Amino acid sequence: MELSADFSTMLDRILNTAADNLRIAKILVQMGLDPNNITSDALFNRLGEIGLANITLANMFALVGAIFFVATFLIQTMVPLRIANMVGCTFFATFGALSGNVATFLLYLLLLPINAVRLRQMLKLVKKARNATQGDMSMEWLKPFMTERRYRRGDRLFRKGDAASEMFLTVTGKFLVKEINVELPPGRLMGELGFLTPNNQRTGTVECIEDGQVLTITYERLLEIYFQDPQFGYYFLVLTSQRLLENIARLEEIIAQQKAGGQTAASTGIA
């Protein structure tokens, strides 16, 4: 009780000191309080009266909308964030309709379909990321985020050691990885390993050997998609791991062929 009394006394002193400020005194007058006789009890009672006087259905919708709006700053993943944003927009739009504020109503009404479209894109991304664990290596889901580019026979897409800033998906034509002499048909990724290297450098040289079309996406866009849905990171690791395993299998085959050739040559020499 003594501590509560001391706190109340200290608060009264702070209020009396603040009331000496002309701006604060003007605010107190507007609230219906006497700046020369201000106490904590009088302030809280007046705030309570103002709050009760402003409790309307429209303001309740605005309060709930504000709660969901604040929640969007605390949510770390995009799907729950979009859902919270849509709920908040619904309450704010209702507030605008009930209060007769046309601008507020139209603003949040227009934000609803925008968030709905983005939410749908994120849900599709999550679905495709989950399919990665079941062996679905289709890249169709990524195409809406990519831009088209065409190459002619003899064009070099990139050289080993070059700075890497984008990934490619072949659509038509043929492309050759020169270091390992491997042709890439339509539907194959190129340049994804540069996204994972420490300095974002190309790990091979790719040339166009038959006129074709590719789709490109920048590494910055890939990072954006990753942060919007971290499950994409797992999906991307599955894709790159598959590529690395294919390269390892190809190297093992080449080494085995070289060993077999060396043994044959040795046998022939002995004979």
C-alpha atoms as a PDB file:
ATOM      1  CA  MET A   1       0.000   0.000   0.000  1.00  0.00           C
ATOM      2  CA  GLU A   2       2.838   2.384   0.892  1.00  0.00           C
ATOM      3  CA  LEU A   3       4.595   1.621  -2.396  1.00  0.00           C
ATOM      4  CA  SER A   4       1.372   2.326  -4.301  1.00  0.00           C
ATOM      5  CA  ALA A   5       0.951   5.644  -2.487  1.00  0.00           C
ATOM      6  CA  ASP A   6       4.547   6.645  -3.221  1.00  0.00           C
ATOM      7  CA  PHE A   7       4.079   5.804  -6.905  1.00  0.00           C
ATOM      8  CA  SER A   8       0.847   7.826  -7.043  1.00  0.00           C
ATOM      9  CA  THR A   9       2.545  10.794  -5.395  1.00  0.00           C
ATOM     10  CA  MET A  10       5.498  10.604  -7.769  1.00  0.00           C
ATOM     11  CA  LEU A  11       3.142  10.413 -10.773  1.00  0.00           C
ATOM     12  CA  ASP A  12       1.212  13.453  -9.507  1.00  0.00           C
ATOM     13  CA  ARG A  13       4.460  15.417  -9.280  1.00  0.00           C
ATOM     14  CA  ILE A  14       5.405  14.419 -12.832  1.00  0.00           C
ATOM     15  CA  LEU A  15       1.985  15.477 -14.098  1.00  0.00           C
ATOM     16  CA  ASN A  16       2.166  18.820 -12.302  1.00  0.00           C
ATOM     17  CA  THR A  17       5.607  19.463 -13.780  1.00  0.00           C
ATOM     18  CA  ALA A  18       4.433  18.476 -17.254  1.00  0.00           C
ATOM     19  CA  ALA A  19       1.377  20.737 -16.923  1.00  0.00           C
ATOM     20  CA  ASP A  20       3.737  23.729 -16.796  1.00  0.00           C
ATOM     21  CA  ASN A  21       4.475  23.067 -20.476  1.00  0.00           C
ATOM     22  CA  LEU A  22       2.075  25.142 -22.580  1.00  0.00           C
ATOM     23  CA  ARG A  23       1.551  22.427 -25.171  1.00  0.00           C
ATOM     24  CA  ILE A  24       0.753  19.792 -22.573  1.00  0.00           C
ATOM     25  CA  ALA A  25      -1.495  22.263 -20.728  1.00  0.00           C
ATOM     26  CA  LYS A  26      -3.406  22.878 -23.960  1.00  0.00           C
ATOM     27  CA  ILE A  27      -3.887  19.110 -24.453  1.00  0.00           C
ATOM     28  CA  LEU A  28      -5.131  18.755 -20.875  1.00  0.00           C
ATOM     29  CA  VAL A  29      -7.625  21.587 -21.419  1.00  0.00           C
ATOM     30  CA  GLN A  30      -8.868  19.891 -24.593  1.00  0.00           C
ATOM     31  CA  MET A  31      -9.365  16.718 -22.568  1.00  0.00           C
ATOM     32  CA  GLY A  32     -11.485  18.674 -20.082  1.00  0.00           C
ATOM     33  CA  LEU A  33      -8.894  18.722 -17.269  1.00  0.00           C
ATOM     34  CA  ASP A  34      -7.566  21.607 -15.195  1.00  0.00           C
ATOM     35  CA  PRO A  35      -3.783  21.947 -15.753  1.00  0.00           C
ATOM     36  CA  ASN A  36      -3.453  23.732 -12.386  1.00  0.00           C
ATOM     37  CA  ASN A  37      -5.066  20.863 -10.512  1.00  0.00           C
ATOM     38  CA  ILE A  38      -4.069  17.675 -12.283  1.00  0.00           C
ATOM     39  CA  THR A  39      -3.738  14.335 -10.505  1.00  0.00           C
ATOM     40  CA  SER A  40      -3.164  10.796 -11.696  1.00  0.00           C
ATOM     41  CA  ASP A  41      -6.652   9.754 -10.564  1.00  0.00           C
ATOM     42  CA  ALA A  42      -8.268  12.609 -12.475  1.00  0.00           C
ATOM     43  CA  LEU A  43      -6.224  11.761 -15.612  1.00  0.00           C
ATOM     44  CA  PHE A  44      -7.040   8.034 -15.554  1.00  0.00           C
ATOM     45  CA  ASN A  45     -10.692   8.697 -14.830  1.00  0.00           C
ATOM     46  CA  ARG A  46     -10.894  11.102 -17.756  1.00  0.00           C
ATOM     47  CA  LEU A  47      -9.119   8.640 -20.066  1.00  0.00           C
ATOM     48  CA  GLY A  48     -11.577   5.970 -18.975  1.00  0.00           C
ATOM     49  CA  GLU A  49     -14.511   8.246 -19.747  1.00  0.00           C
ATOM     50  CA  ILE A  50     -13.086   9.069 -23.178  1.00  0.00           C
ATOM     51  CA  GLY A  51     -12.518   5.370 -23.871  1.00  0.00           C
ATOM     52  CA  LEU A  52     -16.054   4.391 -22.843  1.00  0.00           C
ATOM     53  CA  ALA A  53     -17.514   7.239 -24.884  1.00  0.00           C
ATOM     54  CA  ASN A  54     -15.705   6.014 -27.982  1.00  0.00           C
ATOM     55  CA  ILE A  55     -16.569   2.341 -27.698  1.00  0.00           C
ATOM     56  CA  THR A  56     -18.578   1.770 -30.857  1.00  0.00           C
ATOM     57  CA  LEU A  57     -18.936  -1.209 -33.164  1.00  0.00           C
ATOM     58  CA  ALA A  58     -16.818   0.534 -35.808  1.00  0.00           C
ATOM     59  CA  ASN A  59     -14.026   1.300 -33.352  1.00  0.00           C
ATOM     60  CA  MET A  60     -14.056  -2.278 -32.076  1.00  0.00           C
ATOM     61  CA  PHE A  61     -13.452  -3.503 -35.627  1.00  0.00           C
ATOM     62  CA  ALA A  62     -10.620  -0.963 -35.951  1.00  0.00           C
ATOM     63  CA  LEU A  63      -9.076  -2.205 -32.684  1.00  0.00           C
ATOM     64  CA  VAL A  64      -9.121  -5.841 -33.802  1.00  0.00           C
ATOM     65  CA  GLY A  65      -7.692  -4.820 -37.174  1.00  0.00           C
ATOM     66  CA  ALA A  66      -4.887  -2.939 -35.417  1.00  0.00           C
ATOM     67  CA  ILE A  67      -4.073  -6.044 -33.361  1.00  0.00           C
ATOM     68  CA  PHE A  68      -3.678  -8.146 -36.503  1.00  0.00           C
ATOM     69  CA  PHE A  69      -1.661  -5.354 -38.136  1.00  0.00           C
ATOM     70  CA  VAL A  70       0.798  -5.351 -35.222  1.00  0.00           C
ATOM     71  CA  ALA A  71       0.924  -9.152 -35.416  1.00  0.00           C
ATOM     72  CA  THR A  72       2.284  -8.916 -38.979  1.00  0.00           C
ATOM     73  CA  PHE A  73       5.443  -7.312 -37.564  1.00  0.00           C
ATOM     74  CA  LEU A  74       5.972 -10.268 -35.225  1.00  0.00           C
ATOM     75  CA  ILE A  75       5.324 -13.108 -37.687  1.00  0.00           C
ATOM     76  CA  GLN A  76       8.484 -14.379 -39.398  1.00  0.00           C
ATOM     77  CA  THR A  77       7.069 -16.576 -42.187  1.00  0.00           C
ATOM     78  CA  MET A  78       5.118 -15.261 -45.149  1.00  0.00           C
ATOM     79  CA  VAL A  79       2.063 -17.542 -45.243  1.00  0.00           C
ATOM     80  CA  PRO A  80       0.851 -16.732 -41.682  1.00  0.00           C
ATOM     81  CA  LEU A  81       1.810 -13.094 -42.286  1.00  0.00           C
ATOM     82  CA  ARG A  82      -0.403 -12.892 -45.393  1.00  0.00           C
ATOM     83  CA  ILE A  83      -3.283 -14.513 -43.530  1.00  0.00           C
ATOM     84  CA  ALA A  84      -2.948 -12.079 -40.618  1.00  0.00           C
ATOM     85  CA  ASN A  85      -2.755  -9.185 -43.075  1.00  0.00           C
ATOM     86  CA  MET A  86      -5.925 -10.332 -44.842  1.00  0.00           C
ATOM     87  CA  VAL A  87      -7.800 -10.638 -41.537  1.00  0.00           C
ATOM     88  CA  GLY A  88      -6.607  -7.181 -40.495  1.00  0.00           C
ATOM     89  CA  CYS A  89      -7.650  -5.708 -43.858  1.00  0.00           C
ATOM     90  CA  THR A  90     -11.106  -7.276 -43.448  1.00  0.00           C
ATOM     91  CA  PHE A  91     -11.601  -5.626 -40.049  1.00  0.00           C
ATOM     92  CA  PHE A  92     -10.259  -2.262 -41.249  1.00  0.00           C
ATOM     93  CA  ALA A  93     -12.506  -2.362 -44.336  1.00  0.00           C
ATOM     94  CA  THR A  94     -15.484  -3.095 -42.069  1.00  0.00           C
ATOM     95  CA  PHE A  95     -14.452  -0.194 -39.850  1.00  0.00           C
ATOM     96  CA  GLY A  96     -14.374   2.091 -42.890  1.00  0.00           C
ATOM     97  CA  ALA A  97     -17.825   0.926 -43.986  1.00  0.00           C
ATOM     98  CA  LEU A  98     -19.387   1.346 -40.526  1.00  0.00           C
ATOM     99  CA  SER A  99     -17.776   4.733 -39.899  1.00  0.00           C
ATOM    100  CA  GLY A 100     -18.570   6.074 -43.360  1.00  0.00           C
ATOM    101  CA  ASN A 101     -14.887   6.549 -44.209  1.00  0.00           C
ATOM    102  CA  VAL A 102     -14.892   5.725 -47.924  1.00  0.00           C
ATOM    103  CA  ALA A 103     -11.103   6.115 -48.384  1.00  0.00           C
ATOM    104  CA  THR A 104     -10.324   3.632 -45.609  1.00  0.00           C
ATOM    105  CA  PHE A 105     -12.949   1.197 -46.883  1.00  0.00           C
ATOM    106  CA  LEU A 106     -11.630   1.243 -50.472  1.00  0.00           C
ATOM    107  CA  LEU A 107      -7.960   1.063 -49.444  1.00  0.00           C
ATOM    108  CA  TYR A 108      -8.300  -2.088 -47.351  1.00  0.00           C
ATOM    109  CA  LEU A 109     -10.841  -3.606 -49.712  1.00  0.00           C
ATOM    110  CA  LEU A 110      -8.289  -3.342 -52.546  1.00  0.00           C
ATOM    111  CA  LEU A 111      -5.538  -4.801 -50.359  1.00  0.00           C
ATOM    112  CA  LEU A 112      -7.545  -7.980 -49.784  1.00  0.00           C
ATOM    113  CA  PRO A 113      -7.266  -9.463 -53.310  1.00  0.00           C
ATOM    114  CA  ILE A 114      -3.588  -8.436 -53.523  1.00  0.00           C
ATOM    115  CA  ASN A 115      -2.800 -10.371 -50.374  1.00  0.00           C
ATOM    116  CA  ALA A 116      -4.988 -13.250 -51.558  1.00  0.00           C
ATOM    117  CA  VAL A 117      -3.007 -13.562 -54.813  1.00  0.00           C
ATOM    118  CA  ARG A 118       0.320 -13.479 -52.971  1.00  0.00           C
ATOM    119  CA  LEU A 119      -0.954 -16.035 -50.467  1.00  0.00           C
ATOM    120  CA  ARG A 120      -1.986 -18.357 -53.301  1.00  0.00           C
ATOM    121  CA  GLN A 121       1.477 -18.053 -54.845  1.00  0.00           C
ATOM    122  CA  MET A 122       3.114 -18.877 -51.531  1.00  0.00           C
ATOM    123  CA  LEU A 123       0.864 -21.905 -50.973  1.00  0.00           C
ATOM    124  CA  LYS A 124       1.742 -23.211 -54.434  1.00  0.00           C
ATOM    125  CA  LEU A 125       5.404 -22.700 -53.614  1.00  0.00           C
ATOM    126  CA  VAL A 126       5.016 -24.652 -50.358  1.00  0.00           C
ATOM    127  CA  LYS A 127       3.266 -27.476 -52.207  1.00  0.00           C
ATOM    128  CA  LYS A 128       6.028 -27.711 -54.781  1.00  0.00           C
ATOM    129  CA  ALA A 129       8.671 -27.613 -52.054  1.00  0.00           C
ATOM    130  CA  ARG A 130       6.983 -30.504 -50.290  1.00  0.00           C
ATOM    131  CA  ASN A 131       6.811 -32.438 -53.553  1.00  0.00           C
ATOM    132  CA  ALA A 132      10.584 -32.223 -53.692  1.00  0.00           C
ATOM    133  CA  THR A 133      10.757 -34.749 -50.870  1.00  0.00           C
ATOM    134  CA  GLN A 134       8.737 -37.142 -53.039  1.00  0.00           C
ATOM    135  CA  GLY A 135      11.028 -36.854 -56.052  1.00  0.00           C
ATOM    136  CA  ASP A 136       9.087 -34.284 -58.098  1.00  0.00           C
ATOM    137  CA  MET A 137      11.869 -32.374 -59.860  1.00  0.00           C
ATOM    138  CA  SER A 138       9.574 -30.348 -62.134  1.00  0.00           C
ATOM    139  CA  MET A 139      10.479 -26.673 -62.425  1.00  0.00           C
ATOM    140  CA  GLU A 140       7.094 -25.548 -63.756  1.00  0.00           C
ATOM    141  CA  TRP A 141       6.302 -23.799 -60.482  1.00  0.00           C
ATOM    142  CA  LEU A 142       9.342 -21.521 -60.862  1.00  0.00           C
ATOM    143  CA  LYS A 143       8.539 -20.290 -64.399  1.00  0.00           C
ATOM    144  CA  PRO A 144       6.262 -17.394 -63.326  1.00  0.00           C
ATOM    145  CA  PHE A 145       9.271 -15.879 -61.527  1.00  0.00           C
ATOM    146  CA  MET A 146      11.583 -16.156 -64.589  1.00  0.00           C
ATOM    147  CA  THR A 147      12.208 -14.114 -67.754  1.00  0.00           C
ATOM    148  CA  GLU A 148      12.751 -15.372 -71.309  1.00  0.00           C
ATOM    149  CA  ARG A 149      16.036 -15.145 -73.213  1.00  0.00           C
ATOM    150  CA  ARG A 150      17.117 -16.564 -76.596  1.00  0.00           C
ATOM    151  CA  TYR A 151      20.540 -17.767 -77.766  1.00  0.00           C
ATOM    152  CA  ARG A 152      21.991 -18.699 -81.155  1.00  0.00           C
ATOM    153  CA  ARG A 153      24.402 -21.476 -81.974  1.00  0.00           C
ATOM    154  CA  GLY A 154      27.908 -20.498 -80.875  1.00  0.00           C
ATOM    155  CA  ASP A 155      26.776 -18.068 -78.148  1.00  0.00           C
ATOM    156  CA  ARG A 156      28.503 -18.501 -74.809  1.00  0.00           C
ATOM    157  CA  LEU A 157      26.163 -18.220 -71.837  1.00  0.00           C
ATOM    158  CA  PHE A 158      28.966 -17.990 -69.295  1.00  0.00           C
ATOM    159  CA  ARG A 159      32.584 -19.041 -68.740  1.00  0.00           C
ATOM    160  CA  LYS A 160      34.127 -20.954 -65.838  1.00  0.00           C
ATOM    161  CA  GLY A 161      35.305 -18.529 -63.158  1.00  0.00           C
ATOM    162  CA  ASP A 162      32.971 -15.719 -64.232  1.00  0.00           C
ATOM    163  CA  ALA A 163      30.907 -13.897 -61.611  1.00  0.00           C
ATOM    164  CA  ALA A 164      27.524 -15.629 -61.342  1.00  0.00           C
ATOM    165  CA  SER A 165      24.307 -13.690 -60.811  1.00  0.00           C
ATOM    166  CA  GLU A 166      21.522 -15.790 -62.375  1.00  0.00           C
ATOM    167  CA  MET A 167      20.264 -19.314 -62.960  1.00  0.00           C
ATOM    168  CA  PHE A 168      18.992 -20.747 -66.271  1.00  0.00           C
ATOM    169  CA  LEU A 169      16.321 -23.246 -67.229  1.00  0.00           C
ATOM    170  CA  THR A 170      16.560 -24.632 -70.761  1.00  0.00           C
ATOM    171  CA  VAL A 171      13.316 -24.591 -72.759  1.00  0.00           C
ATOM    172  CA  THR A 172      14.398 -25.380 -76.334  1.00  0.00           C
ATOM    173  CA  GLY A 173      17.700 -26.033 -78.102  1.00  0.00           C
ATOM    174  CA  LYS A 174      20.848 -27.703 -76.775  1.00  0.00           C
ATOM    175  CA  PHE A 175      23.659 -26.410 -74.595  1.00  0.00           C
ATOM    176  CA  LEU A 176      27.088 -27.871 -73.919  1.00  0.00           C
ATOM    177  CA  VAL A 177      29.042 -27.899 -70.650  1.00  0.00           C
ATOM    178  CA  LYS A 178      32.526 -27.797 -72.179  1.00  0.00           C
ATOM    179  CA  GLU A 179      34.620 -28.995 -69.226  1.00  0.00           C
ATOM    180  CA  ILE A 180      32.791 -32.327 -68.994  1.00  0.00           C
ATOM    181  CA  ASN A 181      31.465 -32.416 -72.585  1.00  0.00           C
ATOM    182  CA  VAL A 182      27.848 -32.906 -71.508  1.00  0.00           C
ATOM    183  CA  GLU A 183      24.852 -31.727 -73.536  1.00  0.00           C
ATOM    184  CA  LEU A 184      21.939 -30.201 -71.658  1.00  0.00           C
ATOM    185  CA  PRO A 185      18.537 -30.854 -73.276  1.00  0.00           C
ATOM    186  CA  PRO A 186      15.344 -28.850 -72.612  1.00  0.00           C
ATOM    187  CA  GLY A 187      14.144 -28.889 -69.028  1.00  0.00           C
ATOM    188  CA  ARG A 188      17.556 -28.776 -67.367  1.00  0.00           C
ATOM    189  CA  LEU A 189      18.959 -26.242 -64.926  1.00  0.00           C
ATOM    190  CA  MET A 190      22.177 -24.357 -65.603  1.00  0.00           C
ATOM    191  CA  GLY A 191      24.135 -22.086 -63.312  1.00  0.00           C
ATOM    192  CA  GLU A 192      22.476 -23.172 -60.085  1.00  0.00           C
ATOM    193  CA  LEU A 193      25.784 -24.212 -58.503  1.00  0.00           C
ATOM    194  CA  GLY A 194      27.088 -20.650 -58.773  1.00  0.00           C
ATOM    195  CA  PHE A 195      24.339 -19.675 -56.336  1.00  0.00           C
ATOM    196  CA  LEU A 196      25.925 -21.895 -53.686  1.00  0.00           C
ATOM    197  CA  THR A 197      29.622 -21.159 -54.235  1.00  0.00           C
ATOM    198  CA  PRO A 198      31.228 -18.818 -51.655  1.00  0.00           C
ATOM    199  CA  ASN A 199      32.094 -16.123 -54.213  1.00  0.00           C
ATOM    200  CA  ASN A 200      29.206 -16.806 -56.620  1.00  0.00           C
ATOM    201  CA  GLN A 201      31.524 -17.967 -59.407  1.00  0.00           C
ATOM    202  CA  ARG A 202      30.699 -20.162 -62.375  1.00  0.00           C
ATOM    203  CA  THR A 203      31.874 -23.763 -62.026  1.00  0.00           C
ATOM    204  CA  GLY A 204      31.852 -24.471 -65.767  1.00  0.00           C
ATOM    205  CA  THR A 205      31.572 -23.022 -69.267  1.00  0.00           C
ATOM    206  CA  VAL A 206      28.291 -23.391 -71.183  1.00  0.00           C
ATOM    207  CA  GLU A 207      27.836 -22.734 -74.898  1.00  0.00           C
ATOM    208  CA  CYS A 208      24.795 -22.907 -77.137  1.00  0.00           C
ATOM    209  CA  ILE A 209      25.207 -25.664 -79.772  1.00  0.00           C
ATOM    210  CA  GLU A 210      21.673 -25.432 -81.158  1.00  0.00           C
ATOM    211  CA  ASP A 211      19.492 -22.297 -81.296  1.00  0.00           C
ATOM    212  CA  GLY A 212      17.311 -22.282 -78.248  1.00  0.00           C
ATOM    213  CA  GLN A 213      15.384 -20.468 -75.570  1.00  0.00           C
ATOM    214  CA  VAL A 214      16.042 -20.324 -71.832  1.00  0.00           C
ATOM    215  CA  LEU A 215      14.329 -18.856 -68.804  1.00  0.00           C
ATOM    216  CA  THR A 216      16.455 -16.921 -66.310  1.00  0.00           C
ATOM    217  CA  ILE A 217      16.059 -15.917 -62.686  1.00  0.00           C
ATOM    218  CA  THR A 218      18.486 -13.785 -60.697  1.00  0.00           C
ATOM    219  CA  TYR A 219      20.070 -15.010 -57.486  1.00  0.00           C
ATOM    220  CA  GLU A 220      18.511 -12.009 -55.714  1.00  0.00           C
ATOM    221  CA  ARG A 221      15.064 -13.255 -56.751  1.00  0.00           C
ATOM    222  CA  LEU A 222      15.964 -16.750 -55.568  1.00  0.00           C
ATOM    223  CA  LEU A 223      16.925 -15.328 -52.175  1.00  0.00           C
ATOM    224  CA  GLU A 224      13.652 -13.413 -52.048  1.00  0.00           C
ATOM    225  CA  ILE A 225      11.692 -16.608 -52.711  1.00  0.00           C
ATOM    226  CA  TYR A 226      13.757 -18.420 -50.091  1.00  0.00           C
ATOM    227  CA  PHE A 227      13.037 -15.839 -47.393  1.00  0.00           C
ATOM    228  CA  GLN A 228       9.346 -15.812 -48.332  1.00  0.00           C
ATOM    229  CA  ASP A 229       9.236 -19.560 -47.817  1.00  0.00           C
ATOM    230  CA  PRO A 230      12.265 -21.293 -46.251  1.00  0.00           C
ATOM    231  CA  GLN A 231      10.956 -24.675 -47.498  1.00  0.00           C
ATOM    232  CA  PHE A 232      12.137 -23.555 -50.927  1.00  0.00           C
ATOM    233  CA  GLY A 233      15.671 -23.839 -49.560  1.00  0.00           C
ATOM    234  CA  TYR A 234      15.196 -27.556 -49.017  1.00  0.00           C
ATOM    235  CA  TYR A 235      13.704 -27.918 -52.496  1.00  0.00           C
ATOM    236  CA  PHE A 236      16.692 -26.140 -54.029  1.00  0.00           C
ATOM    237  CA  LEU A 237      19.161 -28.288 -52.076  1.00  0.00           C
ATOM    238  CA  VAL A 238      17.465 -31.424 -53.409  1.00  0.00           C
ATOM    239  CA  LEU A 239      17.865 -30.132 -56.970  1.00  0.00           C
ATOM    240  CA  THR A 240      21.521 -29.172 -56.566  1.00  0.00           C
ATOM    241  CA  SER A 241      22.328 -32.391 -54.696  1.00  0.00           C
ATOM    242  CA  GLN A 242      20.863 -34.368 -57.570  1.00  0.00           C
ATOM    243  CA  ARG A 243      23.070 -32.424 -59.987  1.00  0.00           C
ATOM    244  CA  LEU A 244      26.185 -33.041 -57.874  1.00  0.00           C
ATOM    245  CA  LEU A 245      25.423 -36.759 -57.586  1.00  0.00           C
ATOM    246  CA  GLU A 246      25.041 -36.957 -61.376  1.00  0.00           C
ATOM    247  CA  ASN A 247      28.402 -35.231 -61.815  1.00  0.00           C
ATOM    248  CA  ILE A 248      30.054 -37.594 -59.319  1.00  0.00           C
ATOM    249  CA  ALA A 249      28.591 -40.632 -61.096  1.00  0.00           C
ATOM    250  CA  ARG A 250      29.827 -39.271 -64.433  1.00  0.00           C
ATOM    251  CA  LEU A 251      33.346 -38.720 -63.054  1.00  0.00           C
ATOM    252  CA  GLU A 252      33.407 -42.206 -61.547  1.00  0.00           C
ATOM    253  CA  GLU A 253      32.426 -43.621 -64.936  1.00  0.00           C
ATOM    254  CA  ILE A 254      35.206 -41.655 -66.669  1.00  0.00           C
ATOM    255  CA  ILE A 255      37.771 -42.828 -64.084  1.00  0.00           C
ATOM    256  CA  ALA A 256      36.597 -46.411 -64.485  1.00  0.00           C
ATOM    257  CA  GLN A 257      36.935 -46.140 -68.268  1.00  0.00           C
ATOM    258  CA  GLN A 258      40.428 -44.679 -67.946  1.00  0.00           C
ATOM    259  CA  LYS A 259      41.472 -47.471 -65.589  1.00  0.00           C
ATOM    260  CA  ALA A 260      40.028 -50.065 -67.935  1.00  0.00           C
ATOM    261  CA  GLY A 261      41.863 -48.446 -70.861  1.00  0.00           C
ATOM    262  CA  GLY A 262      45.120 -48.389 -68.898  1.00  0.00           C
ATOM    263  CA  GLN A 263      44.810 -52.062 -67.941  1.00  0.00           C
ATOM    264  CA  THR A 264      44.078 -52.987 -71.584  1.00  0.00           C
ATOM    265  CA  ALA A 265      47.086 -51.032 -72.762  1.00  0.00           C
ATOM    266  CA  ALA A 266      49.266 -52.685 -70.111  1.00  0.00           C
ATOM    267  CA  SER A 267      48.031 -56.142 -71.111  1.00  0.00           C
ATOM    268  CA  THR A 268      48.715 -55.401 -74.752  1.00  0.00           C
ATOM    269  CA  GLY A 269      52.212 -54.172 -73.928  1.00  0.00           C
ATOM    270  CA  ILE A 270      53.009 -57.278 -71.959  1.00  0.00           C
ATOM    271  CA  ALA A 271      51.786 -59.487 -74.750  1.00  0.00           C
END
